[in-house]
Amino acid sequence: MNRNVLIGVLALQVIVIVAVVSARSAGPNTPADLLMFDPATVDAISVSNEEGAVELVLEDRWQFANGIPADASKVGEILDKLADAGGDWPVATTSASATRFEVTAESHQRRIVLRDDDTTLADVFLGTSPGYQRVHARVTDASDIYAIRFSNYEAGVRTSDWLDRTLLQAEGELSVVQREGAFNLSRSAEGSWVSLDGAMLDSGEVETLIGRLKGLMATGVFEGELPPEAAFSFSLTDDDGAHQIDFFRVGEDAEDYVATSSRISGAFDVATYVVEQLDVTLEDLAVDELVDELIDIAEEPADPTADQ
């Protein structure tokens, strides 16, 4: 056998060895992802434990079953995290371990189910935490238990955990702000606010009010019965047209506030201190009378005979 043939045989052997090693590396030495789904295909989410459950559906937007808007940004973040939550190698496989790590049907800290129409894309139990921002996880029909990059608190089981807290806010810019029986404000073509009641406005106070209305946040969904009449209301016009926000006093001592919007069904908890700052009159928004008088005096022409 000549030298060239020997070199060819040796080269072939090297190629075979490399191929075998590569195949083994790509096989059992590479762990599979815990969950295999495309976040873009998910149109329903269920999160539950023994304390409660939340159901979200994707219509024109992410929302609860009753149509109340959910936080689409949070939903997207959670789906992306779950899709990328690589499990590495299983940390356990026995039923005793599943019980200890709280990833069983009888004992779990979270159960998350993701669907596309009637197809279940993912169904997973989340349990105890083995470390910072990691949690034990088990797909419901599998025995392998993983420690994935996730935190249970991110997937709450209360409506307020997923609520779109901006749902009471104006769309774009406000152009009319009216409180019945108190004031009627309109933004001029130049961008300044004027009172249709003829009062001289304190621009700083008005802008503060506008900012608070635009930044109004819901803190939760109110499940109780509303009083027959609102404490006070605002009629607002923004980029999407006119709507009304009503504020109701609730609670044992009527010290808490709930808000409703003509644009959305339901009633929503709002921070009491914020609503109290919205409870203003035209007098609160107008230039102080003494300051007004001083301005008028300052603008009067000087009397040339005053020093004679």
Protein backbone atom coordinates (compact mmCIF):
# COMPACT_ATOMS: atom_id res chain seq x y z
CA MET A 1 0.00 0.00 0.00
CA ASN A 2 1.57 3.22 -1.08
CA ARG A 3 1.91 6.31 1.06
CA ASN A 4 -0.95 8.27 -0.54
CA VAL A 5 -3.41 5.46 0.16
CA LEU A 6 -2.34 5.32 3.82
CA ILE A 7 -2.82 9.10 4.18
CA GLY A 8 -6.28 8.81 2.63
CA VAL A 9 -7.29 6.01 5.03
CA LEU A 10 -6.05 7.98 8.03
CA ALA A 11 -7.92 11.11 6.90
CA LEU A 12 -11.12 9.09 6.51
CA GLN A 13 -10.71 7.68 10.02
CA VAL A 14 -10.27 11.20 11.44
CA ILE A 15 -13.44 12.36 9.66
CA VAL A 16 -15.43 9.42 11.07
CA ILE A 17 -14.18 10.06 14.61
CA VAL A 18 -15.06 13.78 14.42
CA ALA A 19 -18.53 12.93 13.09
CA VAL A 20 -19.19 10.47 15.92
CA VAL A 21 -18.01 12.90 18.58
CA SER A 22 -20.12 15.70 17.07
CA ALA A 23 -23.21 13.50 16.96
CA ARG A 24 -22.77 12.59 20.61
CA SER A 25 -22.28 16.25 21.55
CA ALA A 26 -25.46 17.27 19.78
CA GLY A 27 -27.38 14.39 21.33
CA PRO A 28 -27.72 13.57 25.01
CA ASN A 29 -25.09 16.17 26.04
CA THR A 30 -27.33 19.07 24.90
CA PRO A 31 -30.37 19.60 27.13
CA ALA A 32 -33.69 20.39 25.47
CA ASP A 33 -35.73 23.47 26.31
CA LEU A 34 -38.35 22.93 29.01
CA LEU A 35 -41.12 24.61 27.01
CA MET A 36 -41.37 24.65 23.23
CA PHE A 37 -43.78 27.33 21.99
CA ASP A 38 -43.84 30.51 19.96
CA PRO A 39 -45.02 33.46 22.10
CA ALA A 40 -46.67 35.00 19.02
CA THR A 41 -49.12 32.08 18.78
CA VAL A 42 -50.45 32.31 22.35
CA ASP A 43 -53.98 33.74 22.61
CA ALA A 44 -55.01 32.57 26.11
CA ILE A 45 -53.21 32.39 29.46
CA SER A 46 -54.27 30.81 32.73
CA VAL A 47 -52.34 31.34 35.97
CA SER A 48 -53.57 29.66 39.14
CA ASN A 49 -52.79 28.27 42.58
CA GLU A 50 -54.86 27.45 45.65
CA GLU A 51 -55.34 31.16 46.38
CA GLY A 52 -56.89 32.18 43.07
CA ALA A 53 -56.77 32.19 39.29
CA VAL A 54 -56.43 34.66 36.44
CA GLU A 55 -57.62 34.08 32.87
CA LEU A 56 -56.41 36.32 30.04
CA VAL A 57 -57.44 36.23 26.39
CA LEU A 58 -56.16 37.99 23.30
CA GLU A 59 -58.88 39.70 21.32
CA ASP A 60 -57.94 43.04 19.75
CA ARG A 61 -55.79 43.40 22.88
CA TRP A 62 -54.92 41.33 25.95
CA GLN A 63 -57.82 41.47 28.38
CA PHE A 64 -59.68 39.63 31.10
CA ALA A 65 -62.74 37.55 30.24
CA ASN A 66 -65.00 40.49 31.19
CA GLY A 67 -63.25 42.77 28.69
CA ILE A 68 -61.21 44.80 31.17
CA PRO A 69 -57.80 45.59 29.60
CA ALA A 70 -54.74 43.70 30.80
CA ASP A 71 -51.17 44.96 30.74
CA ALA A 72 -50.05 43.85 27.27
CA SER A 73 -46.44 44.76 27.98
CA LYS A 74 -46.32 42.50 31.04
CA VAL A 75 -48.00 39.65 29.16
CA GLY A 76 -45.38 39.89 26.42
CA GLU A 77 -42.52 39.91 28.91
CA ILE A 78 -43.84 36.82 30.74
CA LEU A 79 -44.36 34.86 27.51
CA ASP A 80 -40.85 35.72 26.33
CA LYS A 81 -39.35 34.68 29.67
CA LEU A 82 -41.16 31.36 29.68
CA ALA A 83 -40.17 30.66 26.07
CA ASP A 84 -36.51 31.39 26.91
CA ALA A 85 -36.51 29.69 30.32
CA GLY A 86 -33.96 27.01 29.51
CA GLY A 87 -33.99 24.19 32.02
CA ASP A 88 -30.43 22.93 31.57
CA TRP A 89 -30.34 19.37 32.93
CA PRO A 90 -33.14 18.00 35.14
CA VAL A 91 -32.40 18.41 38.83
CA ALA A 92 -34.72 15.55 39.81
CA THR A 93 -37.15 13.04 38.32
CA THR A 94 -38.85 11.22 41.21
CA SER A 95 -42.36 11.74 42.55
CA ALA A 96 -40.89 12.39 46.01
CA SER A 97 -38.82 15.23 44.58
CA ALA A 98 -41.87 16.65 42.80
CA THR A 99 -43.67 16.79 46.13
CA ARG A 100 -40.68 18.33 47.89
CA PHE A 101 -40.23 20.98 45.18
CA GLU A 102 -44.02 21.67 45.07
CA VAL A 103 -44.55 20.88 41.40
CA THR A 104 -47.45 18.44 41.65
CA ALA A 105 -51.13 18.78 40.85
CA GLU A 106 -51.87 18.63 44.57
CA SER A 107 -49.18 21.09 45.62
CA HIS A 108 -47.79 23.86 43.42
CA GLN A 109 -47.11 27.56 43.76
CA ARG A 110 -48.20 28.34 40.20
CA ARG A 111 -49.77 26.47 37.33
CA ILE A 112 -49.45 28.23 33.99
CA VAL A 113 -51.35 27.06 30.93
CA LEU A 114 -50.79 28.64 27.51
CA ARG A 115 -53.18 28.00 24.62
CA ASP A 116 -53.67 28.73 20.95
CA ASP A 117 -57.41 28.36 20.36
CA ASP A 118 -58.13 24.83 21.66
CA THR A 119 -54.53 23.68 21.49
CA THR A 120 -52.49 23.59 24.71
CA LEU A 121 -49.02 24.98 23.96
CA ALA A 122 -47.65 24.68 27.49
CA ASP A 123 -48.88 23.38 30.84
CA VAL A 124 -46.36 23.69 33.63
CA PHE A 125 -46.19 23.60 37.43
CA LEU A 126 -43.89 26.10 39.19
CA GLY A 127 -42.78 25.44 42.74
CA THR A 128 -40.05 26.32 45.20
CA SER A 129 -37.07 28.52 44.43
CA PRO A 130 -33.56 27.00 44.48
CA GLY A 131 -31.94 30.43 44.16
CA TYR A 132 -32.29 34.02 43.08
CA GLN A 133 -34.74 34.42 40.18
CA ARG A 134 -34.94 30.68 39.65
CA VAL A 135 -37.80 28.31 40.28
CA HIS A 136 -38.40 24.58 40.07
CA ALA A 137 -40.62 23.65 37.13
CA ARG A 138 -42.24 20.50 35.77
CA VAL A 139 -44.34 20.05 32.66
CA THR A 140 -47.57 18.46 33.86
CA ASP A 141 -47.27 15.25 31.83
CA ALA A 142 -43.53 14.72 32.42
CA SER A 143 -41.42 13.56 35.36
CA ASP A 144 -38.30 15.69 34.80
CA ILE A 145 -37.96 18.68 37.16
CA TYR A 146 -35.89 21.68 36.12
CA ALA A 147 -34.63 24.87 37.75
CA ILE A 148 -35.57 27.60 35.28
CA ARG A 149 -34.90 31.33 35.09
CA PHE A 150 -38.18 32.73 36.41
CA SER A 151 -39.82 34.06 39.60
CA ASN A 152 -43.29 33.11 40.81
CA TYR A 153 -44.16 36.67 41.81
CA GLU A 154 -43.99 37.69 38.16
CA ALA A 155 -47.04 35.54 37.42
CA GLY A 156 -49.56 36.68 40.03
CA VAL A 157 -52.99 35.15 40.61
CA ARG A 158 -54.85 38.40 41.31
CA THR A 159 -56.53 40.62 38.76
CA SER A 160 -54.49 43.59 39.96
CA ASP A 161 -51.29 41.71 39.07
CA TRP A 162 -52.19 41.85 35.37
CA LEU A 163 -54.38 44.95 35.18
CA ASP A 164 -53.58 47.70 32.69
CA ARG A 165 -53.15 50.44 35.27
CA THR A 166 -53.29 53.18 32.61
CA LEU A 167 -56.84 52.31 31.48
CA LEU A 168 -58.33 55.49 33.03
CA GLN A 169 -55.84 57.79 31.35
CA ALA A 170 -56.57 60.10 28.44
CA GLU A 171 -55.62 59.17 24.88
CA GLY A 172 -53.11 61.76 23.69
CA GLU A 173 -53.65 65.36 24.72
CA LEU A 174 -56.57 66.83 26.65
CA SER A 175 -58.38 69.75 25.02
CA VAL A 176 -61.40 70.18 27.32
CA VAL A 177 -61.60 69.65 31.10
CA GLN A 178 -64.95 70.29 32.72
CA ARG A 179 -66.16 69.72 36.24
CA GLU A 180 -69.92 70.13 36.40
CA GLY A 181 -70.94 73.07 38.54
CA ALA A 182 -67.33 74.11 39.10
CA PHE A 183 -65.39 75.04 35.96
CA ASN A 184 -65.08 74.56 32.22
CA LEU A 185 -61.57 74.76 30.77
CA SER A 186 -60.54 74.67 27.14
CA ARG A 187 -57.13 74.65 25.47
CA SER A 188 -56.70 77.53 23.05
CA ALA A 189 -55.14 77.30 19.60
CA GLU A 190 -51.93 78.68 21.11
CA GLY A 191 -51.86 75.85 23.66
CA SER A 192 -52.77 77.84 26.78
CA TRP A 193 -55.77 77.00 28.98
CA VAL A 194 -58.68 79.41 29.24
CA SER A 195 -61.76 79.39 31.42
CA LEU A 196 -65.09 79.59 29.64
CA ASP A 197 -66.37 81.16 32.88
CA GLY A 198 -64.14 84.19 32.25
CA ALA A 199 -61.81 83.67 35.22
CA MET A 200 -58.11 84.44 34.97
CA LEU A 201 -56.35 81.11 35.43
CA ASP A 202 -53.18 80.29 37.29
CA SER A 203 -51.34 78.38 34.54
CA GLY A 204 -49.25 76.44 37.05
CA GLU A 205 -52.28 75.17 38.97
CA VAL A 206 -54.09 74.26 35.76
CA GLU A 207 -51.12 72.35 34.33
CA THR A 208 -50.78 70.49 37.65
CA LEU A 209 -54.43 69.42 37.42
CA ILE A 210 -54.03 68.36 33.79
CA GLY A 211 -50.94 66.34 34.64
CA ARG A 212 -52.73 64.52 37.45
CA LEU A 213 -55.68 63.69 35.21
CA LYS A 214 -53.39 62.41 32.46
CA GLY A 215 -51.38 60.33 34.93
CA LEU A 216 -54.36 58.79 36.76
CA MET A 217 -53.59 55.15 37.62
CA ALA A 218 -55.91 52.30 38.54
CA THR A 219 -54.59 50.17 41.40
CA GLY A 220 -57.12 47.34 41.19
CA VAL A 221 -60.60 46.23 40.18
CA PHE A 222 -63.38 47.21 42.60
CA GLU A 223 -65.75 44.31 43.29
CA GLY A 224 -68.19 46.01 45.67
CA GLU A 225 -71.35 48.04 45.15
CA LEU A 226 -71.01 51.66 44.11
CA PRO A 227 -72.89 54.49 45.85
CA PRO A 228 -75.89 55.86 43.92
CA GLU A 229 -74.10 59.13 43.15
CA ALA A 230 -70.52 60.08 42.38
CA ALA A 231 -68.66 62.43 44.70
CA PHE A 232 -67.56 64.44 41.66
CA SER A 233 -66.97 63.94 37.93
CA PHE A 234 -64.90 65.22 35.05
CA SER A 235 -66.00 65.51 31.43
CA LEU A 236 -62.88 65.26 29.30
CA THR A 237 -62.07 65.57 25.62
CA ASP A 238 -58.88 64.03 24.27
CA ASP A 239 -57.58 62.77 20.93
CA ASP A 240 -60.25 60.04 20.88
CA GLY A 241 -63.16 62.34 21.73
CA ALA A 242 -65.28 63.05 24.81
CA HIS A 243 -65.65 60.78 27.84
CA GLN A 244 -66.44 61.02 31.54
CA ILE A 245 -64.57 59.97 34.67
CA ASP A 246 -66.64 59.58 37.87
CA PHE A 247 -65.17 59.33 41.37
CA PHE A 248 -67.07 57.55 44.16
CA ARG A 249 -66.38 57.50 47.88
CA VAL A 250 -66.43 53.94 49.23
CA GLY A 251 -65.37 52.04 52.32
CA GLU A 252 -66.62 51.88 55.85
CA ASP A 253 -65.84 55.54 56.48
CA ALA A 254 -66.16 56.61 52.84
CA GLU A 255 -62.46 57.50 52.86
CA ASP A 256 -61.46 55.42 49.85
CA TYR A 257 -62.11 56.23 46.20
CA VAL A 258 -63.19 54.25 43.16
CA ALA A 259 -63.27 55.56 39.59
CA THR A 260 -65.32 54.62 36.54
CA SER A 261 -64.89 55.61 32.92
CA SER A 262 -67.56 55.91 30.26
CA ARG A 263 -65.11 54.14 27.93
CA ILE A 264 -64.61 50.97 29.97
CA SER A 265 -66.93 48.70 31.90
CA GLY A 266 -66.14 48.13 35.55
CA ALA A 267 -64.98 50.19 38.52
CA PHE A 268 -61.40 50.63 39.62
CA ASP A 269 -59.57 51.37 42.84
CA VAL A 270 -57.53 54.58 42.76
CA ALA A 271 -55.20 56.13 45.31
CA THR A 272 -57.08 58.33 47.76
CA TYR A 273 -54.39 61.02 47.95
CA VAL A 274 -54.42 61.37 44.16
CA VAL A 275 -58.20 61.81 43.97
CA GLU A 276 -58.14 64.33 46.81
CA GLN A 277 -55.72 66.42 44.73
CA LEU A 278 -58.19 66.30 41.82
CA ASP A 279 -61.04 67.59 43.97
CA VAL A 280 -60.52 71.26 43.06
CA THR A 281 -62.76 74.24 42.26
CA LEU A 282 -62.39 77.22 39.95
CA GLU A 283 -61.15 79.24 42.93
CA ASP A 284 -58.25 76.79 43.31
CA LEU A 285 -57.32 77.26 39.65
CA ALA A 286 -57.79 81.01 39.38
CA VAL A 287 -55.19 83.70 39.96
CA ASP A 288 -55.39 85.00 43.51
CA GLU A 289 -57.51 88.19 43.63
CA LEU A 290 -54.87 90.16 45.54
CA VAL A 291 -52.22 89.20 43.00
CA ASP A 292 -54.64 90.14 40.23
CA GLU A 293 -55.17 93.60 41.78
CA LEU A 294 -51.42 94.15 42.12
CA ILE A 295 -50.95 93.25 38.46
CA ASP A 296 -53.64 95.76 37.47
CA ILE A 297 -52.01 98.49 39.57
CA ALA A 298 -48.60 97.76 38.08
CA GLU A 299 -50.01 98.04 34.59
CA GLU A 300 -51.72 101.43 35.21
CA PRO A 301 -50.00 104.38 33.43
CA ALA A 302 -48.04 106.65 35.73
CA ASP A 303 -49.60 110.04 36.67
CA PRO A 304 -47.17 112.77 35.43
CA THR A 305 -48.54 115.28 38.02
CA ALA A 306 -48.01 112.98 40.99
CA ASP A 307 -44.63 114.52 41.97
CA GLN A 308 -45.66 118.17 41.40
